Amino acid sequence: MKTLRNLGLALVVFFATLSAQAQNGNEKTVQIKTSAVCDMCKKTLEKAMAYEKGVKTSSLDVDSKLLTVTFDTKKTNEDKIRKAVNETGYDADNKPATPRAYNKLDDCCKKDAVH
């Protein structure tokens, strides 16, 4: 009886570990070079990423202009994330911002803004 209970406990631990590994196996982190220039850009981009399906975390380093995004590969991909950055008004790597979204940015957030 004790052996059966130990075996049951071992199986529960095994499957819990397997499940946790499977979830982490679907996560990917990507760094995207943006045209962000200020702290308002940081707030805008991070907020926009929070609304994107599958995005777990995002963080913009304003000095390097690098947006780091961790996402679930079953729910989204790098191209969709870059498109979301573009539609927020910022360049994403070699893809330019959507003109309409860029024009809606505050003046301080535009690429040619003097800081």
Foldseek 3Di string as FASTA:
>chain_A
DVVVVVVVVVVVVVVVVVVVVVQVVQKDKDKWQKLFADPVLQVLLQVLLVPQPFWDGWGADNVRSIIITMGGNVTDDPVVSQLSRLDCQMHTHPRHHDVVNVVPDDLCGHNPHDD
